Amino acid sequence: MVGRAVTTRTPVRDGTAVLPVLMYHSVSALRAGPLRELAVPPHRLAEHLDALTAAGYRLVGLTEALDLTRSGTPTPPLVALTFDDGFANFLHRALPLLTATGSSATLYPAVGHLGGPADWLGRWAGVFGRLLPLSALPEVAAAGVEIGNHGLVHQPLDMLPPGLLNQQLTDSRDRLEQVLGRPVRSFCYPHGYHDRRVRELVHRSGHDNACAVGRRLYRPGPAGRTDDRFAVPRLQPTPDHTGADLLDLVRGGGPRLIPEAKRLAQPAWRLTRRLARLAGRRLT
């Protein structure tokens, strides 16, 4: 890996060990529109990975990062990489870049949509291209990428009744484990929304960690707690972040306080939440 060797376990902020977790979606470019911030072009992703590795960070998937953080094993400072939804461009654009930099990541495919468009985005369903087919996931896993679970139908889980929620969690995990032949440990909440009921059901359905949005650094909680491992916040790189910008984001975590109202007002998340409500009525 590029960069000098370091032995610091994790970065520290305000005297507390922290883990930066980055959230990507499509590896593509959009000129404009409400979903532009969810598309990072290949050249920009390459710049991000090069900047992080040159700065001495070890880039891994979320479960590996959590396991290393919990074990106390001395490592270079860690950054966890995650890619949501499972767009087909991950295989041909992101994966070669990860391999070239000796990096890994966690890919969260939206299981019930695989092989088709991102129809939860309504009239924007085709802007990022199609999603990977389920049959492509073993190839991704064989390259060292963790496959996590993004649910069966891409809709906010806090809007589902308990029975349907439990069915979607178990069905999606079962499908992934059948095709991969290994346990699926990590979960990603569609659109980032969750509450205590959702977190408990994600845990009971066999996952041992889960991530949301949060837009801040993750601070590992005391041993024995599960709440923090089932609400891991992530930082979102955008197509406008240079490599230097990304290093600032990873080191500082962005603004210390992001009001909920401001987060919900951001165009991409407000739009996808509204579209998800409509899609949920059609698909459930």
C-alpha atoms as a PDB file:
ATOM      1  CA  MET A   1       0.000   0.000   0.000  1.00  0.00           C
ATOM      2  CA  VAL A   2       1.204   3.492  -0.798  1.00  0.00           C
ATOM      3  CA  GLY A   3       2.376   5.664   2.100  1.00  0.00           C
ATOM      4  CA  ARG A   4       4.527   5.296   5.153  1.00  0.00           C
ATOM      5  CA  ALA A   5       3.721   2.678   7.782  1.00  0.00           C
ATOM      6  CA  VAL A   6       2.041   3.934  10.939  1.00  0.00           C
ATOM      7  CA  THR A   7       0.944   2.112  14.066  1.00  0.00           C
ATOM      8  CA  THR A   8      -1.738   4.366  15.497  1.00  0.00           C
ATOM      9  CA  ARG A   9      -4.852   2.308  16.151  1.00  0.00           C
ATOM     10  CA  THR A  10      -7.443   4.872  15.014  1.00  0.00           C
ATOM     11  CA  PRO A  11      -7.638   8.634  14.716  1.00  0.00           C
ATOM     12  CA  VAL A  12      -8.574  10.469  17.904  1.00  0.00           C
ATOM     13  CA  ARG A  13     -10.911  13.435  18.267  1.00  0.00           C
ATOM     14  CA  ASP A  14     -11.613  15.143  21.583  1.00  0.00           C
ATOM     15  CA  GLY A  15      -9.629  12.396  23.325  1.00  0.00           C
ATOM     16  CA  THR A  16     -11.848   9.615  21.891  1.00  0.00           C
ATOM     17  CA  ALA A  17     -10.870   7.035  19.280  1.00  0.00           C
ATOM     18  CA  VAL A  18     -12.912   7.507  16.116  1.00  0.00           C
ATOM     19  CA  LEU A  19     -13.469   5.561  12.908  1.00  0.00           C
ATOM     20  CA  PRO A  20     -14.221   7.433   9.666  1.00  0.00           C
ATOM     21  CA  VAL A  21     -16.738   5.512   7.533  1.00  0.00           C
ATOM     22  CA  LEU A  22     -17.271   6.756   3.981  1.00  0.00           C
ATOM     23  CA  MET A  23     -20.523   6.314   2.053  1.00  0.00           C
ATOM     24  CA  TYR A  24     -20.483   6.074  -1.743  1.00  0.00           C
ATOM     25  CA  HIS A  25     -23.285   5.142  -4.135  1.00  0.00           C
ATOM     26  CA  SER A  26     -22.775   5.188  -7.893  1.00  0.00           C
ATOM     27  CA  VAL A  27     -19.334   5.394  -9.506  1.00  0.00           C
ATOM     28  CA  SER A  28     -20.420   7.635 -12.350  1.00  0.00           C
ATOM     29  CA  ALA A  29     -20.841  11.287 -13.265  1.00  0.00           C
ATOM     30  CA  LEU A  30     -23.942  13.454 -13.366  1.00  0.00           C
ATOM     31  CA  ARG A  31     -23.691  16.977 -14.714  1.00  0.00           C
ATOM     32  CA  ALA A  32     -26.562  18.332 -12.652  1.00  0.00           C
ATOM     33  CA  GLY A  33     -29.804  17.375 -10.935  1.00  0.00           C
ATOM     34  CA  PRO A  34     -30.975  16.510  -7.429  1.00  0.00           C
ATOM     35  CA  LEU A  35     -29.028  13.231  -7.298  1.00  0.00           C
ATOM     36  CA  ARG A  36     -25.683  14.584  -8.486  1.00  0.00           C
ATOM     37  CA  GLU A  37     -24.070  14.335  -5.028  1.00  0.00           C
ATOM     38  CA  LEU A  38     -24.648  10.556  -5.034  1.00  0.00           C
ATOM     39  CA  ALA A  39     -22.460  10.011  -8.117  1.00  0.00           C
ATOM     40  CA  VAL A  40     -18.648  10.091  -7.764  1.00  0.00           C
ATOM     41  CA  PRO A  41     -16.812   9.708 -11.101  1.00  0.00           C
ATOM     42  CA  PRO A  42     -14.077   7.066 -11.419  1.00  0.00           C
ATOM     43  CA  HIS A  43     -11.276   9.630 -11.642  1.00  0.00           C
ATOM     44  CA  ARG A  44     -12.493  11.282  -8.434  1.00  0.00           C
ATOM     45  CA  LEU A  45     -12.794   7.973  -6.604  1.00  0.00           C
ATOM     46  CA  ALA A  46      -9.227   7.144  -7.704  1.00  0.00           C
ATOM     47  CA  GLU A  47      -8.100  10.510  -6.323  1.00  0.00           C
ATOM     48  CA  HIS A  48      -9.839   9.748  -3.012  1.00  0.00           C
ATOM     49  CA  LEU A  49      -8.255   6.315  -2.657  1.00  0.00           C
ATOM     50  CA  ASP A  50      -4.800   7.574  -3.607  1.00  0.00           C
ATOM     51  CA  ALA A  51      -5.002  10.447  -1.118  1.00  0.00           C
ATOM     52  CA  LEU A  52      -6.093   8.197   1.734  1.00  0.00           C
ATOM     53  CA  THR A  53      -3.487   5.506   1.115  1.00  0.00           C
ATOM     54  CA  ALA A  54      -0.727   8.071   0.630  1.00  0.00           C
ATOM     55  CA  ALA A  55      -1.686   9.562   4.003  1.00  0.00           C
ATOM     56  CA  GLY A  56      -1.164   6.160   5.644  1.00  0.00           C
ATOM     57  CA  TYR A  57      -4.754   4.994   6.041  1.00  0.00           C
ATOM     58  CA  ARG A  58      -5.714   1.355   5.673  1.00  0.00           C
ATOM     59  CA  LEU A  59      -8.957   1.094   3.685  1.00  0.00           C
ATOM     60  CA  VAL A  60     -11.218  -1.815   4.624  1.00  0.00           C
ATOM     61  CA  GLY A  61     -14.857  -2.856   4.768  1.00  0.00           C
ATOM     62  CA  LEU A  62     -17.068  -1.906   7.687  1.00  0.00           C
ATOM     63  CA  THR A  63     -17.169  -5.245   9.517  1.00  0.00           C
ATOM     64  CA  GLU A  64     -13.398  -5.650   9.331  1.00  0.00           C
ATOM     65  CA  ALA A  65     -12.921  -2.105  10.623  1.00  0.00           C
ATOM     66  CA  LEU A  66     -15.308  -2.700  13.529  1.00  0.00           C
ATOM     67  CA  ASP A  67     -13.662  -6.020  14.395  1.00  0.00           C
ATOM     68  CA  LEU A  68     -10.180  -4.477  14.371  1.00  0.00           C
ATOM     69  CA  THR A  69     -11.334  -1.502  16.418  1.00  0.00           C
ATOM     70  CA  ARG A  70     -13.005  -3.741  18.984  1.00  0.00           C
ATOM     71  CA  SER A  71     -10.059  -6.142  19.233  1.00  0.00           C
ATOM     72  CA  GLY A  72      -7.501  -3.443  19.921  1.00  0.00           C
ATOM     73  CA  THR A  73      -5.118  -4.975  17.382  1.00  0.00           C
ATOM     74  CA  PRO A  74      -2.457  -2.403  16.423  1.00  0.00           C
ATOM     75  CA  THR A  75      -3.039  -1.315  12.841  1.00  0.00           C
ATOM     76  CA  PRO A  76      -2.482   1.725  10.669  1.00  0.00           C
ATOM     77  CA  PRO A  77      -5.341   4.206  11.078  1.00  0.00           C
ATOM     78  CA  LEU A  78      -8.452   2.793   9.473  1.00  0.00           C
ATOM     79  CA  VAL A  79     -11.045   4.184   7.111  1.00  0.00           C
ATOM     80  CA  ALA A  80     -14.061   2.013   6.276  1.00  0.00           C
ATOM     81  CA  LEU A  81     -15.385   2.250   2.721  1.00  0.00           C
ATOM     82  CA  THR A  82     -19.002   1.463   1.895  1.00  0.00           C
ATOM     83  CA  PHE A  83     -20.932   1.479  -1.387  1.00  0.00           C
ATOM     84  CA  ASP A  84     -24.727   1.470  -1.269  1.00  0.00           C
ATOM     85  CA  ASP A  85     -27.315  -0.099  -3.578  1.00  0.00           C
ATOM     86  CA  GLY A  86     -25.128  -2.376  -5.718  1.00  0.00           C
ATOM     87  CA  PHE A  87     -24.925  -0.492  -9.000  1.00  0.00           C
ATOM     88  CA  ALA A  88     -23.331  -2.452 -11.831  1.00  0.00           C
ATOM     89  CA  ASN A  89     -20.686   0.224 -12.297  1.00  0.00           C
ATOM     90  CA  PHE A  90     -19.121  -0.902  -9.002  1.00  0.00           C
ATOM     91  CA  LEU A  91     -17.821  -4.068 -10.668  1.00  0.00           C
ATOM     92  CA  HIS A  92     -16.092  -2.393 -13.613  1.00  0.00           C
ATOM     93  CA  ARG A  93     -15.154   0.986 -12.122  1.00  0.00           C
ATOM     94  CA  ALA A  94     -14.772   0.799  -8.339  1.00  0.00           C
ATOM     95  CA  LEU A  95     -13.432  -2.732  -7.955  1.00  0.00           C
ATOM     96  CA  PRO A  96     -10.338  -2.260 -10.165  1.00  0.00           C
ATOM     97  CA  LEU A  97      -9.481   0.929  -8.264  1.00  0.00           C
ATOM     98  CA  LEU A  98      -9.839  -0.822  -4.913  1.00  0.00           C
ATOM     99  CA  THR A  99      -7.626  -3.666  -6.109  1.00  0.00           C
ATOM    100  CA  ALA A 100      -4.988  -1.280  -7.458  1.00  0.00           C
ATOM    101  CA  THR A 101      -4.651   0.471  -4.077  1.00  0.00           C
ATOM    102  CA  GLY A 102      -4.804  -2.706  -1.963  1.00  0.00           C
ATOM    103  CA  SER A 103      -8.129  -1.566  -0.506  1.00  0.00           C
ATOM    104  CA  SER A 104     -11.329  -3.312   0.421  1.00  0.00           C
ATOM    105  CA  ALA A 105     -14.874  -2.113   1.073  1.00  0.00           C
ATOM    106  CA  THR A 106     -18.392  -3.230   1.922  1.00  0.00           C
ATOM    107  CA  LEU A 107     -20.962  -3.341  -0.878  1.00  0.00           C
ATOM    108  CA  TYR A 108     -24.630  -3.156   0.173  1.00  0.00           C
ATOM    109  CA  PRO A 109     -26.874  -4.443  -2.649  1.00  0.00           C
ATOM    110  CA  ALA A 110     -30.593  -3.729  -2.601  1.00  0.00           C
ATOM    111  CA  VAL A 111     -31.466  -7.405  -2.932  1.00  0.00           C
ATOM    112  CA  GLY A 112     -34.975  -7.267  -4.365  1.00  0.00           C
ATOM    113  CA  HIS A 113     -33.949  -4.857  -7.117  1.00  0.00           C
ATOM    114  CA  LEU A 114     -30.795  -6.616  -8.330  1.00  0.00           C
ATOM    115  CA  GLY A 115     -30.491  -6.946 -12.093  1.00  0.00           C
ATOM    116  CA  GLY A 116     -32.881  -4.075 -12.696  1.00  0.00           C
ATOM    117  CA  PRO A 117     -32.994  -0.298 -12.400  1.00  0.00           C
ATOM    118  CA  ALA A 118     -33.084   1.629  -9.130  1.00  0.00           C
ATOM    119  CA  ASP A 119     -36.839   1.975  -9.436  1.00  0.00           C
ATOM    120  CA  TRP A 120     -37.188   3.495  -5.965  1.00  0.00           C
ATOM    121  CA  LEU A 121     -35.836   6.666  -7.599  1.00  0.00           C
ATOM    122  CA  GLY A 122     -38.934   7.066  -9.764  1.00  0.00           C
ATOM    123  CA  ARG A 123     -38.265   8.999 -12.972  1.00  0.00           C
ATOM    124  CA  TRP A 124     -34.566   9.118 -12.048  1.00  0.00           C
ATOM    125  CA  ALA A 125     -34.361   5.307 -11.893  1.00  0.00           C
ATOM    126  CA  GLY A 126     -31.993   5.065 -14.848  1.00  0.00           C
ATOM    127  CA  VAL A 127     -29.530   7.859 -14.107  1.00  0.00           C
ATOM    128  CA  PHE A 128     -27.003   5.556 -12.411  1.00  0.00           C
ATOM    129  CA  GLY A 129     -27.528   2.568 -14.696  1.00  0.00           C
ATOM    130  CA  ARG A 130     -28.734  -0.864 -13.661  1.00  0.00           C
ATOM    131  CA  LEU A 131     -27.879  -2.779 -10.524  1.00  0.00           C
ATOM    132  CA  LEU A 132     -25.640  -5.831 -10.468  1.00  0.00           C
ATOM    133  CA  PRO A 133     -27.350  -9.189 -10.945  1.00  0.00           C
ATOM    134  CA  LEU A 134     -27.395 -11.432  -7.889  1.00  0.00           C
ATOM    135  CA  SER A 135     -25.124 -13.876  -9.738  1.00  0.00           C
ATOM    136  CA  ALA A 136     -22.314 -11.275  -9.891  1.00  0.00           C
ATOM    137  CA  LEU A 137     -21.967 -10.973  -6.125  1.00  0.00           C
ATOM    138  CA  PRO A 138     -19.700 -14.042  -5.657  1.00  0.00           C
ATOM    139  CA  GLU A 139     -17.190 -12.463  -8.073  1.00  0.00           C
ATOM    140  CA  VAL A 140     -17.212  -9.258  -6.036  1.00  0.00           C
ATOM    141  CA  ALA A 141     -16.801 -11.199  -2.785  1.00  0.00           C
ATOM    142  CA  ALA A 142     -13.946 -13.256  -4.249  1.00  0.00           C
ATOM    143  CA  ALA A 143     -12.074  -9.997  -4.859  1.00  0.00           C
ATOM    144  CA  GLY A 144     -12.099  -9.326  -1.114  1.00  0.00           C
ATOM    145  CA  VAL A 145     -15.119  -7.047  -0.883  1.00  0.00           C
ATOM    146  CA  GLU A 146     -17.571  -7.679   1.946  1.00  0.00           C
ATOM    147  CA  ILE A 147     -21.169  -8.118   0.794  1.00  0.00           C
ATOM    148  CA  GLY A 148     -23.608  -6.577   3.236  1.00  0.00           C
ATOM    149  CA  ASN A 149     -27.392  -6.434   3.205  1.00  0.00           C
ATOM    150  CA  HIS A 150     -29.359  -3.373   2.057  1.00  0.00           C
ATOM    151  CA  GLY A 151     -32.740  -4.981   2.515  1.00  0.00           C
ATOM    152  CA  LEU A 152     -35.203  -6.521   0.108  1.00  0.00           C
ATOM    153  CA  VAL A 153     -37.146  -3.462  -1.062  1.00  0.00           C
ATOM    154  CA  HIS A 154     -35.356  -0.115  -0.971  1.00  0.00           C
ATOM    155  CA  GLN A 155     -37.649   1.874   1.290  1.00  0.00           C
ATOM    156  CA  PRO A 156     -37.337   3.411   4.766  1.00  0.00           C
ATOM    157  CA  LEU A 157     -37.697   0.523   7.207  1.00  0.00           C
ATOM    158  CA  ASP A 158     -39.159   2.657   9.972  1.00  0.00           C
ATOM    159  CA  MET A 159     -42.303   2.945   7.818  1.00  0.00           C
ATOM    160  CA  LEU A 160     -42.937  -0.841   7.703  1.00  0.00           C
ATOM    161  CA  PRO A 161     -45.126  -2.882  10.082  1.00  0.00           C
ATOM    162  CA  PRO A 162     -43.164  -5.387  12.236  1.00  0.00           C
ATOM    163  CA  GLY A 163     -44.177  -8.533  10.349  1.00  0.00           C
ATOM    164  CA  LEU A 164     -43.264  -7.175   6.932  1.00  0.00           C
ATOM    165  CA  LEU A 165     -40.069  -5.644   8.270  1.00  0.00           C
ATOM    166  CA  ASN A 166     -38.913  -8.937   9.761  1.00  0.00           C
ATOM    167  CA  GLN A 167     -39.754 -10.816   6.559  1.00  0.00           C
ATOM    168  CA  GLN A 168     -37.783  -8.383   4.411  1.00  0.00           C
ATOM    169  CA  LEU A 169     -34.760  -8.547   6.716  1.00  0.00           C
ATOM    170  CA  THR A 170     -34.627 -12.334   6.848  1.00  0.00           C
ATOM    171  CA  ASP A 171     -35.513 -12.936   3.182  1.00  0.00           C
ATOM    172  CA  SER A 172     -32.838 -10.549   1.907  1.00  0.00           C
ATOM    173  CA  ARG A 173     -30.169 -11.987   4.200  1.00  0.00           C
ATOM    174  CA  ASP A 174     -31.118 -15.559   3.256  1.00  0.00           C
ATOM    175  CA  ARG A 175     -30.862 -14.810  -0.478  1.00  0.00           C
ATOM    176  CA  LEU A 176     -27.430 -13.287  -0.067  1.00  0.00           C
ATOM    177  CA  GLU A 177     -26.103 -16.118   2.092  1.00  0.00           C
ATOM    178  CA  GLN A 178     -27.387 -18.735  -0.336  1.00  0.00           C
ATOM    179  CA  VAL A 179     -25.533 -17.212  -3.277  1.00  0.00           C
ATOM    180  CA  LEU A 180     -22.395 -16.320  -1.293  1.00  0.00           C
ATOM    181  CA  GLY A 181     -22.112 -19.423   0.882  1.00  0.00           C
ATOM    182  CA  ARG A 182     -21.022 -17.371   3.879  1.00  0.00           C
ATOM    183  CA  PRO A 183     -22.664 -15.337   6.677  1.00  0.00           C
ATOM    184  CA  VAL A 184     -23.781 -11.785   5.917  1.00  0.00           C
ATOM    185  CA  ARG A 185     -22.870  -9.754   8.981  1.00  0.00           C
ATOM    186  CA  SER A 186     -23.453  -6.128   8.031  1.00  0.00           C
ATOM    187  CA  PHE A 187     -26.647  -4.222   7.253  1.00  0.00           C
ATOM    188  CA  CYS A 188     -27.251  -0.794   5.743  1.00  0.00           C
ATOM    189  CA  TYR A 189     -30.554   1.005   6.390  1.00  0.00           C
ATOM    190  CA  PRO A 190     -32.181   2.097   3.111  1.00  0.00           C
ATOM    191  CA  HIS A 191     -32.149   5.907   3.045  1.00  0.00           C
ATOM    192  CA  GLY A 192     -30.457   5.776   6.457  1.00  0.00           C
ATOM    193  CA  TYR A 193     -33.677   5.797   8.476  1.00  0.00           C
ATOM    194  CA  HIS A 194     -34.049   3.596  11.549  1.00  0.00           C
ATOM    195  CA  ASP A 195     -35.399   3.573  15.076  1.00  0.00           C
ATOM    196  CA  ARG A 196     -34.966   1.301  18.088  1.00  0.00           C
ATOM    197  CA  ARG A 197     -37.495  -1.249  16.762  1.00  0.00           C
ATOM    198  CA  VAL A 198     -35.716  -1.460  13.415  1.00  0.00           C
ATOM    199  CA  ARG A 199     -32.283  -1.777  15.031  1.00  0.00           C
ATOM    200  CA  GLU A 200     -33.460  -4.587  17.305  1.00  0.00           C
ATOM    201  CA  LEU A 201     -34.978  -6.537  14.408  1.00  0.00           C
ATOM    202  CA  VAL A 202     -31.836  -6.081  12.308  1.00  0.00           C
ATOM    203  CA  HIS A 203     -29.850  -7.548  15.198  1.00  0.00           C
ATOM    204  CA  ARG A 204     -32.268 -10.430  15.747  1.00  0.00           C
ATOM    205  CA  SER A 205     -32.271 -11.308  12.052  1.00  0.00           C
ATOM    206  CA  GLY A 206     -28.604 -12.290  12.320  1.00  0.00           C
ATOM    207  CA  HIS A 207     -26.616  -9.152  11.531  1.00  0.00           C
ATOM    208  CA  ASP A 208     -23.983  -7.914  13.981  1.00  0.00           C
ATOM    209  CA  ASN A 209     -23.577  -4.315  12.759  1.00  0.00           C
ATOM    210  CA  ALA A 210     -25.480  -1.738  10.727  1.00  0.00           C
ATOM    211  CA  CYS A 211     -24.809   1.680   9.270  1.00  0.00           C
ATOM    212  CA  ALA A 212     -26.906   4.728   8.602  1.00  0.00           C
ATOM    213  CA  VAL A 213     -26.001   8.201   7.321  1.00  0.00           C
ATOM    214  CA  GLY A 214     -25.252  10.405  10.317  1.00  0.00           C
ATOM    215  CA  ARG A 215     -22.622  12.589   8.586  1.00  0.00           C
ATOM    216  CA  ARG A 216     -20.133  12.370  11.435  1.00  0.00           C
ATOM    217  CA  LEU A 217     -17.274  10.189  12.665  1.00  0.00           C
ATOM    218  CA  TYR A 218     -18.062   6.922  14.419  1.00  0.00           C
ATOM    219  CA  ARG A 219     -17.027   6.676  18.065  1.00  0.00           C
ATOM    220  CA  PRO A 220     -16.913   3.052  19.250  1.00  0.00           C
ATOM    221  CA  GLY A 221     -18.987   2.497  22.401  1.00  0.00           C
ATOM    222  CA  PRO A 222     -18.157   0.467  25.507  1.00  0.00           C
ATOM    223  CA  ALA A 223     -17.661  -3.275  25.131  1.00  0.00           C
ATOM    224  CA  GLY A 224     -20.923  -5.215  25.296  1.00  0.00           C
ATOM    225  CA  ARG A 225     -23.100  -2.486  23.830  1.00  0.00           C
ATOM    226  CA  THR A 226     -24.901  -3.112  20.551  1.00  0.00           C
ATOM    227  CA  ASP A 227     -26.640   0.240  19.978  1.00  0.00           C
ATOM    228  CA  ASP A 228     -23.557   1.914  18.562  1.00  0.00           C
ATOM    229  CA  ARG A 229     -22.713  -0.999  16.232  1.00  0.00           C
ATOM    230  CA  PHE A 230     -26.263  -0.831  14.826  1.00  0.00           C
ATOM    231  CA  ALA A 231     -26.237   2.894  14.146  1.00  0.00           C
ATOM    232  CA  VAL A 232     -22.800   3.519  12.657  1.00  0.00           C
ATOM    233  CA  PRO A 233     -22.720   7.022  11.114  1.00  0.00           C
ATOM    234  CA  ARG A 234     -21.019   7.693   7.808  1.00  0.00           C
ATOM    235  CA  LEU A 235     -19.501  10.615   5.962  1.00  0.00           C
ATOM    236  CA  GLN A 236     -20.498  11.260   2.371  1.00  0.00           C
ATOM    237  CA  PRO A 237     -17.850  12.142  -0.216  1.00  0.00           C
ATOM    238  CA  THR A 238     -19.280  14.036  -3.166  1.00  0.00           C
ATOM    239  CA  PRO A 239     -18.013  14.570  -6.717  1.00  0.00           C
ATOM    240  CA  ASP A 240     -16.769  17.983  -5.595  1.00  0.00           C
ATOM    241  CA  HIS A 241     -14.436  16.629  -2.901  1.00  0.00           C
ATOM    242  CA  THR A 242     -10.825  16.622  -4.033  1.00  0.00           C
ATOM    243  CA  GLY A 243      -8.357  14.265  -2.418  1.00  0.00           C
ATOM    244  CA  ALA A 244      -7.278  17.057  -0.055  1.00  0.00           C
ATOM    245  CA  ASP A 245     -10.920  17.829   0.775  1.00  0.00           C
ATOM    246  CA  LEU A 246     -11.536  14.194   1.600  1.00  0.00           C
ATOM    247  CA  LEU A 247      -8.572  14.064   3.963  1.00  0.00           C
ATOM    248  CA  ASP A 248      -9.988  17.099   5.767  1.00  0.00           C
ATOM    249  CA  LEU A 249     -13.367  15.365   6.002  1.00  0.00           C
ATOM    250  CA  VAL A 250     -11.857  12.143   7.371  1.00  0.00           C
ATOM    251  CA  ARG A 251      -9.695  13.954   9.904  1.00  0.00           C
ATOM    252  CA  GLY A 252     -12.304  16.432  11.079  1.00  0.00           C
ATOM    253  CA  GLY A 253     -15.600  14.675  10.456  1.00  0.00           C
ATOM    254  CA  GLY A 254     -17.271  17.708   8.935  1.00  0.00           C
ATOM    255  CA  PRO A 255     -19.407  20.119  10.959  1.00  0.00           C
ATOM    256  CA  ARG A 256     -19.791  19.095  14.593  1.00  0.00           C
ATOM    257  CA  LEU A 257     -23.538  19.671  14.570  1.00  0.00           C
ATOM    258  CA  ILE A 258     -25.826  19.033  11.606  1.00  0.00           C
ATOM    259  CA  PRO A 259     -29.440  19.804  12.570  1.00  0.00           C
ATOM    260  CA  GLU A 260     -31.950  17.183  11.528  1.00  0.00           C
ATOM    261  CA  ALA A 261     -33.989  19.760   9.662  1.00  0.00           C
ATOM    262  CA  LYS A 262     -30.964  20.761   7.600  1.00  0.00           C
ATOM    263  CA  ARG A 263     -30.123  17.127   6.781  1.00  0.00           C
ATOM    264  CA  LEU A 264     -33.667  16.380   5.652  1.00  0.00           C
ATOM    265  CA  ALA A 265     -33.675  19.510   3.529  1.00  0.00           C
ATOM    266  CA  GLN A 266     -30.792  18.316   1.375  1.00  0.00           C
ATOM    267  CA  PRO A 267     -32.247  17.724  -2.100  1.00  0.00           C
ATOM    268  CA  ALA A 268     -31.090  14.154  -2.767  1.00  0.00           C
ATOM    269  CA  TRP A 269     -32.241  12.763   0.574  1.00  0.00           C
ATOM    270  CA  ARG A 270     -35.526  14.677   0.625  1.00  0.00           C
ATOM    271  CA  LEU A 271     -36.307  13.461  -2.896  1.00  0.00           C
ATOM    272  CA  THR A 272     -35.405   9.808  -2.304  1.00  0.00           C
ATOM    273  CA  ARG A 273     -37.414   9.705   0.928  1.00  0.00           C
ATOM    274  CA  ARG A 274     -40.502  10.990  -0.894  1.00  0.00           C
ATOM    275  CA  LEU A 275     -40.022   8.584  -3.792  1.00  0.00           C
ATOM    276  CA  ALA A 276     -39.534   5.705  -1.354  1.00  0.00           C
ATOM    277  CA  ARG A 277     -42.925   6.340   0.191  1.00  0.00           C
ATOM    278  CA  LEU A 278     -44.527   6.041  -3.236  1.00  0.00           C
ATOM    279  CA  ALA A 279     -42.504   2.981  -4.213  1.00  0.00           C
ATOM    280  CA  GLY A 280     -43.312   1.290  -0.903  1.00  0.00           C
ATOM    281  CA  ARG A 281     -47.027   1.607  -1.556  1.00  0.00           C
ATOM    282  CA  ARG A 282     -46.568  -0.067  -4.940  1.00  0.00           C
ATOM    283  CA  LEU A 283     -44.155  -2.841  -3.917  1.00  0.00           C
ATOM    284  CA  THR A 284     -45.493  -3.993  -0.523  1.00  0.00           C
END
